């Protein structure tokens, strides 16, 4: 048996894993770009990130434990908190230079 047979098995399993992961990331990137182009970030919030879109998608579609309004309020709270943290970080960084 040649060494190519083992390499082929690893490569096909790798592509079965990486292809859906790349498609999912491409989907999140397109949704993020579309959201930024159409709406932008509201005042006091960071723009939607791929991670935040993924979190919202999973909690709404896969595990709907709460209402959609509750999840969107929670997302807005997180993004507002992250915007405040970013502003404080930038202020502190500007003060030290």
PDB file of N, CA and C in Angstrom:
ATOM      1  N   UNK A   1       0.846  -1.170   0.000  1.00  0.00           N
ATOM      2  CA  UNK A   1       0.000   0.000   0.000  1.00  0.00           C
ATOM      3  C   UNK A   1       0.891   1.231   0.000  1.00  0.00           C
ATOM      4  N   UNK A   2       0.578   2.181  -0.848  1.00  0.00           N
ATOM      5  CA  UNK A   2       1.417   3.373  -0.955  1.00  0.00           C
ATOM      6  C   UNK A   2       1.064   4.377   0.129  1.00  0.00           C
ATOM      7  N   UNK A   3       1.938   5.347   0.319  1.00  0.00           N
ATOM      8  CA  UNK A   3       1.694   6.372   1.327  1.00  0.00           C
ATOM      9  C   UNK A   3       0.604   7.349   0.875  1.00  0.00           C
ATOM     10  N   UNK A   4       0.272   7.335  -0.422  1.00  0.00           N
ATOM     11  CA  UNK A   4      -0.759   8.251  -0.921  1.00  0.00           C
ATOM     12  C   UNK A   4      -2.136   7.908  -0.363  1.00  0.00           C
ATOM     13  N   UNK A   5      -2.385   6.638  -0.087  1.00  0.00           N
ATOM     14  CA  UNK A   5      -3.698   6.235   0.405  1.00  0.00           C
ATOM     15  C   UNK A   5      -4.003   6.891   1.747  1.00  0.00           C
ATOM     16  N   UNK A   6      -3.037   6.933   2.635  1.00  0.00           N
ATOM     17  CA  UNK A   6      -3.233   7.572   3.928  1.00  0.00           C
ATOM     18  C   UNK A   6      -3.419   9.069   3.792  1.00  0.00           C
ATOM     19  N   UNK A   7      -2.662   9.684   2.896  1.00  0.00           N
ATOM     20  CA  UNK A   7      -2.793  11.123   2.685  1.00  0.00           C
ATOM     21  C   UNK A   7      -4.159  11.467   2.121  1.00  0.00           C
ATOM     22  N   UNK A   8      -4.681  10.605   1.246  1.00  0.00           N
ATOM     23  CA  UNK A   8      -5.985  10.866   0.644  1.00  0.00           C
ATOM     24  C   UNK A   8      -7.089  10.821   1.697  1.00  0.00           C
ATOM     25  N   UNK A   9      -6.993   9.899   2.623  1.00  0.00           N
ATOM     26  CA  UNK A   9      -8.024   9.815   3.671  1.00  0.00           C
ATOM     27  C   UNK A   9      -8.005  11.056   4.550  1.00  0.00           C
ATOM     28  N   UNK A  10      -6.845  11.522   4.915  1.00  0.00           N
ATOM     29  CA  UNK A  10      -6.771  12.715   5.755  1.00  0.00           C
ATOM     30  C   UNK A  10      -7.256  13.944   4.995  1.00  0.00           C
ATOM     31  N   UNK A  11      -6.901  14.047   3.718  1.00  0.00           N
ATOM     32  CA  UNK A  11      -7.294  15.209   2.930  1.00  0.00           C
ATOM     33  C   UNK A  11      -8.806  15.267   2.754  1.00  0.00           C
ATOM     34  N   UNK A  12      -9.441  14.144   2.458  1.00  0.00           N
ATOM     35  CA  UNK A  12     -10.888  14.170   2.241  1.00  0.00           C
ATOM     36  C   UNK A  12     -11.621  14.494   3.545  1.00  0.00           C
ATOM     37  N   UNK A  13     -11.154  13.999   4.684  1.00  0.00           N
ATOM     38  CA  UNK A  13     -11.813  14.343   5.942  1.00  0.00           C
ATOM     39  C   UNK A  13     -11.573  15.811   6.279  1.00  0.00           C
ATOM     40  N   UNK A  14     -10.395  16.314   5.949  1.00  0.00           N
ATOM     41  CA  UNK A  14     -10.089  17.728   6.183  1.00  0.00           C
ATOM     42  C   UNK A  14     -11.018  18.611   5.347  1.00  0.00           C
ATOM     43  N   UNK A  15     -11.216  18.262   4.068  1.00  0.00           N
ATOM     44  CA  UNK A  15     -12.085  19.082   3.219  1.00  0.00           C
ATOM     45  C   UNK A  15     -13.538  18.989   3.658  1.00  0.00           C
ATOM     46  N   UNK A  16     -13.958  17.838   4.180  1.00  0.00           N
ATOM     47  CA  UNK A  16     -15.329  17.735   4.687  1.00  0.00           C
ATOM     48  C   UNK A  16     -15.538  18.629   5.902  1.00  0.00           C
ATOM     49  N   UNK A  17     -14.509  18.904   6.654  1.00  0.00           N
ATOM     50  CA  UNK A  17     -14.617  19.776   7.812  1.00  0.00           C
ATOM     51  C   UNK A  17     -14.452  21.250   7.426  1.00  0.00           C
ATOM     52  N   UNK A  18     -13.469  21.546   6.608  1.00  0.00           N
ATOM     53  CA  UNK A  18     -13.127  22.933   6.295  1.00  0.00           C
ATOM     54  C   UNK A  18     -14.146  23.572   5.355  1.00  0.00           C
ATOM     55  N   UNK A  19     -14.667  22.841   4.408  1.00  0.00           N
ATOM     56  CA  UNK A  19     -15.602  23.430   3.444  1.00  0.00           C
ATOM     57  C   UNK A  19     -16.844  24.015   4.121  1.00  0.00           C
ATOM     58  N   UNK A  20     -17.539  23.294   4.996  1.00  0.00           N
ATOM     59  CA  UNK A  20     -18.692  23.923   5.664  1.00  0.00           C
ATOM     60  C   UNK A  20     -18.285  25.082   6.577  1.00  0.00           C
ATOM     61  N   UNK A  21     -17.122  24.962   7.212  1.00  0.00           N
ATOM     62  CA  UNK A  21     -16.659  26.055   8.074  1.00  0.00           C
ATOM     63  C   UNK A  21     -16.394  27.315   7.260  1.00  0.00           C
ATOM     64  N   UNK A  22     -15.781  27.163   6.094  1.00  0.00           N
ATOM     65  CA  UNK A  22     -15.516  28.320   5.239  1.00  0.00           C
ATOM     66  C   UNK A  22     -16.816  28.901   4.689  1.00  0.00           C
ATOM     67  N   UNK A  23     -17.770  28.055   4.342  1.00  0.00           N
ATOM     68  CA  UNK A  23     -19.063  28.537   3.857  1.00  0.00           C
ATOM     69  C   UNK A  23     -19.808  29.299   4.958  1.00  0.00           C
ATOM     70  N   UNK A  24     -19.750  28.791   6.170  1.00  0.00           N
ATOM     71  CA  UNK A  24     -20.405  29.479   7.289  1.00  0.00           C
ATOM     72  C   UNK A  24     -19.762  30.841   7.535  1.00  0.00           C
ATOM     73  N   UNK A  25     -18.433  30.891   7.497  1.00  0.00           N
ATOM     74  CA  UNK A  25     -17.754  32.168   7.701  1.00  0.00           C
ATOM     75  C   UNK A  25     -18.047  33.135   6.558  1.00  0.00           C
ATOM     76  N   UNK A  26     -18.116  32.641   5.341  1.00  0.00           N
ATOM     77  CA  UNK A  26     -18.465  33.502   4.201  1.00  0.00           C
ATOM     78  C   UNK A  26     -19.875  34.053   4.366  1.00  0.00           C
ATOM     79  N   UNK A  27     -20.813  33.219   4.821  1.00  0.00           N
ATOM     80  CA  UNK A  27     -22.176  33.677   5.074  1.00  0.00           C
ATOM     81  C   UNK A  27     -22.186  34.793   6.107  1.00  0.00           C
ATOM     82  N   UNK A  28     -21.479  34.603   7.220  1.00  0.00           N
ATOM     83  CA  UNK A  28     -21.425  35.624   8.271  1.00  0.00           C
ATOM     84  C   UNK A  28     -20.787  36.911   7.766  1.00  0.00           C
ATOM     85  N   UNK A  29     -19.757  36.803   6.949  1.00  0.00           N
ATOM     86  CA  UNK A  29     -19.080  37.977   6.419  1.00  0.00           C
ATOM     87  C   UNK A  29     -20.003  38.765   5.485  1.00  0.00           C
ATOM     88  N   UNK A  30     -20.753  38.062   4.647  1.00  0.00           N
ATOM     89  CA  UNK A  30     -21.683  38.741   3.724  1.00  0.00           C
ATOM     90  C   UNK A  30     -22.804  39.422   4.508  1.00  0.00           C
ATOM     91  N   UNK A  31     -23.339  38.742   5.512  1.00  0.00           N
ATOM     92  CA  UNK A  31     -24.397  39.343   6.334  1.00  0.00           C
ATOM     93  C   UNK A  31     -23.867  40.579   7.044  1.00  0.00           C
ATOM     94  N   UNK A  32     -22.647  40.498   7.582  1.00  0.00           N
ATOM     95  CA  UNK A  32     -22.035  41.631   8.275  1.00  0.00           C
ATOM     96  C   UNK A  32     -21.824  42.805   7.324  1.00  0.00           C
ATOM     97  N   UNK A  33     -21.296  42.548   6.141  1.00  0.00           N
ATOM     98  CA  UNK A  33     -21.054  43.622   5.172  1.00  0.00           C
ATOM     99  C   UNK A  33     -22.368  44.254   4.726  1.00  0.00           C
ATOM    100  N   UNK A  34     -23.380  43.436   4.511  1.00  0.00           N
ATOM    101  CA  UNK A  34     -24.690  43.953   4.117  1.00  0.00           C
ATOM    102  C   UNK A  34     -25.294  44.818   5.227  1.00  0.00           C
ATOM    103  N   UNK A  35     -25.176  44.379   6.458  1.00  0.00           N
ATOM    104  CA  UNK A  35     -25.695  45.136   7.593  1.00  0.00           C
ATOM    105  C   UNK A  35     -24.969  46.475   7.733  1.00  0.00           C
ATOM    106  N   UNK A  36     -23.657  46.467   7.564  1.00  0.00           N
ATOM    107  CA  UNK A  36     -22.884  47.715   7.668  1.00  0.00           C
ATOM    108  C   UNK A  36     -23.239  48.673   6.542  1.00  0.00           C
ATOM    109  N   UNK A  37     -23.456  48.153   5.338  1.00  0.00           N
ATOM    110  CA  UNK A  37     -23.769  49.007   4.197  1.00  0.00           C
ATOM    111  C   UNK A  37     -25.171  49.610   4.313  1.00  0.00           C
ATOM    112  N   UNK A  38     -26.114  48.845   4.830  1.00  0.00           N
ATOM    113  CA  UNK A  38     -27.492  49.327   4.884  1.00  0.00           C
ATOM    114  C   UNK A  38     -27.785  50.163   6.118  1.00  0.00           C
ATOM    115  N   UNK A  39     -27.241  49.774   7.272  1.00  0.00           N
ATOM    116  CA  UNK A  39     -27.654  50.434   8.507  1.00  0.00           C
ATOM    117  C   UNK A  39     -26.518  51.126   9.248  1.00  0.00           C
ATOM    118  N   UNK A  40     -25.313  50.603   9.198  1.00  0.00           N
ATOM    119  CA  UNK A  40     -24.236  51.161   9.999  1.00  0.00           C
ATOM    120  C   UNK A  40     -24.463  50.850  11.470  1.00  0.00           C
ATOM    121  N   UNK A  41     -23.663  51.465  12.328  1.00  0.00           N
ATOM    122  CA  UNK A  41     -23.791  51.226  13.762  1.00  0.00           C
ATOM    123  C   UNK A  41     -24.579  52.362  14.398  1.00  0.00           C
ATOM    124  N   UNK A  42     -25.574  52.044  15.196  1.00  0.00           N
ATOM    125  CA  UNK A  42     -26.281  53.103  15.925  1.00  0.00           C
ATOM    126  C   UNK A  42     -25.327  53.791  16.899  1.00  0.00           C
ATOM    127  N   UNK A  43     -25.672  54.996  17.303  1.00  0.00           N
ATOM    128  CA  UNK A  43     -24.828  55.722  18.247  1.00  0.00           C
ATOM    129  C   UNK A  43     -24.715  54.939  19.547  1.00  0.00           C
ATOM    130  N   UNK A  44     -23.507  54.862  20.054  1.00  0.00           N
ATOM    131  CA  UNK A  44     -23.277  54.198  21.325  1.00  0.00           C
ATOM    132  C   UNK A  44     -23.144  52.698  21.255  1.00  0.00           C
ATOM    133  N   UNK A  45     -23.186  52.128  20.048  1.00  0.00           N
ATOM    134  CA  UNK A  45     -23.031  50.681  19.892  1.00  0.00           C
ATOM    135  C   UNK A  45     -21.904  50.403  18.918  1.00  0.00           C
ATOM    136  N   UNK A  46     -21.227  49.280  19.113  1.00  0.00           N
ATOM    137  CA  UNK A  46     -20.270  48.861  18.101  1.00  0.00           C
ATOM    138  C   UNK A  46     -21.058  48.240  16.955  1.00  0.00           C
ATOM    139  N   UNK A  47     -20.496  48.226  15.751  1.00  0.00           N
ATOM    140  CA  UNK A  47     -21.206  47.569  14.639  1.00  0.00           C
ATOM    141  C   UNK A  47     -21.304  46.065  14.898  1.00  0.00           C
ATOM    142  N   UNK A  48     -22.267  45.436  14.255  1.00  0.00           N
ATOM    143  CA  UNK A  48     -22.397  43.989  14.389  1.00  0.00           C
ATOM    144  C   UNK A  48     -21.138  43.304  13.871  1.00  0.00           C
ATOM    145  N   UNK A  49     -20.631  42.358  14.632  1.00  0.00           N
ATOM    146  CA  UNK A  49     -19.467  41.586  14.218  1.00  0.00           C
ATOM    147  C   UNK A  49     -19.936  40.208  13.752  1.00  0.00           C
ATOM    148  N   UNK A  50     -19.042  39.484  13.107  1.00  0.00           N
ATOM    149  CA  UNK A  50     -19.381  38.118  12.684  1.00  0.00           C
ATOM    150  C   UNK A  50     -19.719  37.260  13.896  1.00  0.00           C
ATOM    151  N   UNK A  51     -18.982  37.444  14.997  1.00  0.00           N
ATOM    152  CA  UNK A  51     -19.256  36.652  16.198  1.00  0.00           C
ATOM    153  C   UNK A  51     -20.640  36.968  16.769  1.00  0.00           C
ATOM    154  N   UNK A  52     -21.025  38.245  16.777  1.00  0.00           N
ATOM    155  CA  UNK A  52     -22.340  38.617  17.316  1.00  0.00           C
ATOM    156  C   UNK A  52     -23.456  38.079  16.417  1.00  0.00           C
ATOM    157  N   UNK A  53     -23.265  38.136  15.100  1.00  0.00           N
ATOM    158  CA  UNK A  53     -24.264  37.593  14.182  1.00  0.00           C
ATOM    159  C   UNK A  53     -24.391  36.084  14.378  1.00  0.00           C
ATOM    160  N   UNK A  54     -23.262  35.405  14.543  1.00  0.00           N
ATOM    161  CA  UNK A  54     -23.285  33.961  14.792  1.00  0.00           C
ATOM    162  C   UNK A  54     -24.025  33.660  16.089  1.00  0.00           C
ATOM    163  N   UNK A  55     -23.746  34.406  17.134  1.00  0.00           N
ATOM    164  CA  UNK A  55     -24.402  34.192  18.418  1.00  0.00           C
ATOM    165  C   UNK A  55     -25.920  34.392  18.294  1.00  0.00           C
ATOM    166  N   UNK A  56     -26.324  35.468  17.606  1.00  0.00           N
ATOM    167  CA  UNK A  56     -27.750  35.714  17.415  1.00  0.00           C
ATOM    168  C   UNK A  56     -28.406  34.611  16.589  1.00  0.00           C
ATOM    169  N   UNK A  57     -27.743  34.198  15.523  1.00  0.00           N
ATOM    170  CA  UNK A  57     -28.294  33.151  14.657  1.00  0.00           C
ATOM    171  C   UNK A  57     -28.484  31.849  15.422  1.00  0.00           C
ATOM    172  N   UNK A  58     -27.487  31.464  16.195  1.00  0.00           N
ATOM    173  CA  UNK A  58     -27.575  30.206  16.944  1.00  0.00           C
ATOM    174  C   UNK A  58     -28.681  30.279  17.987  1.00  0.00           C
ATOM    175  N   UNK A  59     -28.743  31.397  18.717  1.00  0.00           N
ATOM    176  CA  UNK A  59     -29.750  31.475  19.773  1.00  0.00           C
ATOM    177  C   UNK A  59     -31.157  31.634  19.218  1.00  0.00           C
ATOM    178  N   UNK A  60     -31.307  32.206  18.034  1.00  0.00           N
ATOM    179  CA  UNK A  60     -32.644  32.333  17.444  1.00  0.00           C
ATOM    180  C   UNK A  60     -33.077  31.079  16.694  1.00  0.00           C
ATOM    181  N   UNK A  61     -32.166  30.463  15.952  1.00  0.00           N
ATOM    182  CA  UNK A  61     -32.541  29.348  15.082  1.00  0.00           C
ATOM    183  C   UNK A  61     -32.332  27.973  15.719  1.00  0.00           C
ATOM    184  N   UNK A  62     -31.248  27.813  16.439  1.00  0.00           N
ATOM    185  CA  UNK A  62     -30.904  26.485  16.931  1.00  0.00           C
ATOM    186  C   UNK A  62     -31.466  26.231  18.326  1.00  0.00           C
ATOM    187  N   UNK A  63     -31.258  27.198  19.223  1.00  0.00           N
ATOM    188  CA  UNK A  63     -31.707  27.031  20.612  1.00  0.00           C
ATOM    189  C   UNK A  63     -32.607  28.195  21.018  1.00  0.00           C
ATOM    190  N   UNK A  64     -33.820  28.246  20.568  1.00  0.00           N
ATOM    191  CA  UNK A  64     -34.682  29.387  20.914  1.00  0.00           C
ATOM    192  C   UNK A  64     -35.215  29.292  22.344  1.00  0.00           C
ATOM    193  N   UNK A  65     -34.354  29.612  23.347  1.00  0.00           N
ATOM    194  CA  UNK A  65     -34.758  29.568  24.747  1.00  0.00           C
ATOM    195  C   UNK A  65     -35.544  30.813  25.147  1.00  0.00           C
ATOM    196  N   UNK A  66     -35.285  31.937  24.471  1.00  0.00           N
ATOM    197  CA  UNK A  66     -35.924  33.202  24.810  1.00  0.00           C
ATOM    198  C   UNK A  66     -36.619  33.767  23.573  1.00  0.00           C
ATOM    199  N   UNK A  67     -37.377  34.830  23.780  1.00  0.00           N
ATOM    200  CA  UNK A  67     -38.030  35.483  22.653  1.00  0.00           C
ATOM    201  C   UNK A  67     -37.007  36.250  21.833  1.00  0.00           C
ATOM    202  N   UNK A  68     -37.352  36.541  20.602  1.00  0.00           N
ATOM    203  CA  UNK A  68     -36.454  37.294  19.728  1.00  0.00           C
ATOM    204  C   UNK A  68     -36.203  38.690  20.289  1.00  0.00           C
ATOM    205  N   UNK A  69     -37.224  39.324  20.856  1.00  0.00           N
ATOM    206  CA  UNK A  69     -37.049  40.663  21.428  1.00  0.00           C
ATOM    207  C   UNK A  69     -36.050  40.641  22.580  1.00  0.00           C
ATOM    208  N   UNK A  70     -36.123  39.607  23.420  1.00  0.00           N
ATOM    209  CA  UNK A  70     -35.178  39.483  24.535  1.00  0.00           C
ATOM    210  C   UNK A  70     -33.745  39.341  24.019  1.00  0.00           C
ATOM    211  N   UNK A  71     -33.549  38.496  23.011  1.00  0.00           N
ATOM    212  CA  UNK A  71     -32.208  38.271  22.472  1.00  0.00           C
ATOM    213  C   UNK A  71     -31.652  39.523  21.804  1.00  0.00           C
ATOM    214  N   UNK A  72     -32.492  40.269  21.097  1.00  0.00           N
ATOM    215  CA  UNK A  72     -32.025  41.499  20.459  1.00  0.00           C
ATOM    216  C   UNK A  72     -31.692  42.559  21.501  1.00  0.00           C
ATOM    217  N   UNK A  73     -32.477  42.650  22.573  1.00  0.00           N
ATOM    218  CA  UNK A  73     -32.148  43.577  23.661  1.00  0.00           C
ATOM    219  C   UNK A  73     -30.825  43.204  24.309  1.00  0.00           C
ATOM    220  N   UNK A  74     -30.621  41.907  24.510  1.00  0.00           N
ATOM    221  CA  UNK A  74     -29.364  41.436  25.090  1.00  0.00           C
ATOM    222  C   UNK A  74     -28.180  41.772  24.176  1.00  0.00           C
ATOM    223  N   UNK A  75     -28.359  41.608  22.872  1.00  0.00           N
ATOM    224  CA  UNK A  75     -27.298  41.935  21.927  1.00  0.00           C
ATOM    225  C   UNK A  75     -26.985  43.428  21.947  1.00  0.00           C
ATOM    226  N   UNK A  76     -28.026  44.259  22.003  1.00  0.00           N
ATOM    227  CA  UNK A  76     -27.802  45.709  22.080  1.00  0.00           C
ATOM    228  C   UNK A  76     -27.056  46.075  23.361  1.00  0.00           C
ATOM    229  N   UNK A  77     -27.401  45.439  24.485  1.00  0.00           N
ATOM    230  CA  UNK A  77     -26.702  45.702  25.737  1.00  0.00           C
ATOM    231  C   UNK A  77     -25.225  45.343  25.621  1.00  0.00           C
ATOM    232  N   UNK A  78     -24.938  44.167  25.049  1.00  0.00           N
ATOM    233  CA  UNK A  78     -23.541  43.735  24.878  1.00  0.00           C
ATOM    234  C   UNK A  78     -22.764  44.714  24.005  1.00  0.00           C
ATOM    235  N   UNK A  79     -23.376  45.111  22.896  1.00  0.00           N
ATOM    236  CA  UNK A  79     -22.690  46.013  21.966  1.00  0.00           C
ATOM    237  C   UNK A  79     -22.486  47.393  22.582  1.00  0.00           C
ATOM    238  N   UNK A  80     -23.431  47.874  23.391  1.00  0.00           N
ATOM    239  CA  UNK A  80     -23.269  49.155  24.081  1.00  0.00           C
ATOM    240  C   UNK A  80     -22.136  49.055  25.098  1.00  0.00           C
ATOM    241  N   UNK A  81     -22.086  47.943  25.831  1.00  0.00           N
ATOM    242  CA  UNK A  81     -21.017  47.731  26.806  1.00  0.00           C
ATOM    243  C   UNK A  81     -19.657  47.674  26.100  1.00  0.00           C
ATOM    244  N   UNK A  82     -19.589  46.981  24.971  1.00  0.00           N
ATOM    245  CA  UNK A  82     -18.333  46.894  24.227  1.00  0.00           C
ATOM    246  C   UNK A  82     -17.920  48.261  23.684  1.00  0.00           C
ATOM    247  N   UNK A  83     -18.878  49.090  23.266  1.00  0.00           N
ATOM    248  CA  UNK A  83     -18.557  50.434  22.776  1.00  0.00           C
ATOM    249  C   UNK A  83     -17.994  51.286  23.911  1.00  0.00           C
ATOM    250  N   UNK A  84     -18.577  51.178  25.110  1.00  0.00           N
ATOM    251  CA  UNK A  84     -18.044  51.930  26.256  1.00  0.00           C
ATOM    252  C   UNK A  84     -16.642  51.462  26.609  1.00  0.00           C
ATOM    253  N   UNK A  85     -16.427  50.159  26.608  1.00  0.00           N
ATOM    254  CA  UNK A  85     -15.101  49.622  26.912  1.00  0.00           C
ATOM    255  C   UNK A  85     -14.079  50.095  25.885  1.00  0.00           C
ATOM    256  N   UNK A  86     -14.459  50.108  24.612  1.00  0.00           N
ATOM    257  CA  UNK A  86     -13.557  50.578  23.561  1.00  0.00           C
ATOM    258  C   UNK A  86     -13.212  52.053  23.762  1.00  0.00           C
ATOM    259  N   UNK A  87     -14.226  52.879  24.074  1.00  0.00           N
ATOM    260  CA  UNK A  87     -13.985  54.307  24.280  1.00  0.00           C
ATOM    261  C   UNK A  87     -13.058  54.540  25.470  1.00  0.00           C
ATOM    262  N   UNK A  88     -13.275  53.812  26.564  1.00  0.00           N
ATOM    263  CA  UNK A  88     -12.392  53.951  27.734  1.00  0.00           C
ATOM    264  C   UNK A  88     -10.975  53.522  27.402  1.00  0.00           C
ATOM    265  N   UNK A  89     -10.837  52.453  26.657  1.00  0.00           N
ATOM    266  CA  UNK A  89      -9.516  51.980  26.266  1.00  0.00           C
ATOM    267  C   UNK A  89      -8.801  53.031  25.409  1.00  0.00           C
ATOM    268  N   UNK A  90      -9.500  53.602  24.440  1.00  0.00           N
ATOM    269  CA  UNK A  90      -8.892  54.610  23.581  1.00  0.00           C
ATOM    270  C   UNK A  90      -8.522  55.856  24.373  1.00  0.00           C
ATOM    271  N   UNK A  91      -9.370  56.264  25.332  1.00  0.00           N
ATOM    272  CA  UNK A  91      -9.052  57.430  26.165  1.00  0.00           C
ATOM    273  C   UNK A  91      -7.804  57.164  26.998  1.00  0.00           C
ATOM    274  N   UNK A  92      -7.739  55.990  27.614  1.00  0.00           N
ATOM    275  CA  UNK A  92      -6.583  55.646  28.438  1.00  0.00           C
ATOM    276  C   UNK A  92      -5.330  55.548  27.580  1.00  0.00           C
ATOM    277  N   UNK A  93      -5.447  54.993  26.398  1.00  0.00           N
ATOM    278  CA  UNK A  93      -4.303  54.866  25.502  1.00  0.00           C
ATOM    279  C   UNK A  93      -3.826  56.240  25.044  1.00  0.00           C
ATOM    280  N   UNK A  94      -4.737  57.172  24.767  1.00  0.00           N
ATOM    281  CA  UNK A  94      -4.374  58.518  24.331  1.00  0.00           C
ATOM    282  C   UNK A  94      -3.725  59.297  25.471  1.00  0.00           C
ATOM    283  N   UNK A  95      -4.149  59.049  26.710  1.00  0.00           N
ATOM    284  CA  UNK A  95      -3.589  59.774  27.852  1.00  0.00           C
ATOM    285  C   UNK A  95      -2.162  59.349  28.158  1.00  0.00           C
ATOM    286  N   UNK A  96      -1.793  58.117  27.825  1.00  0.00           N
ATOM    287  CA  UNK A  96      -0.447  57.642  28.140  1.00  0.00           C
ATOM    288  C   UNK A  96       0.568  58.020  27.069  1.00  0.00           C
ATOM    289  N   UNK A  97       0.115  58.419  25.893  1.00  0.00           N
ATOM    290  CA  UNK A  97       1.073  58.770  24.827  1.00  0.00           C
ATOM    291  C   UNK A  97       1.361  60.233  24.783  1.00  0.00           C
TER     292      UNK A  97
END
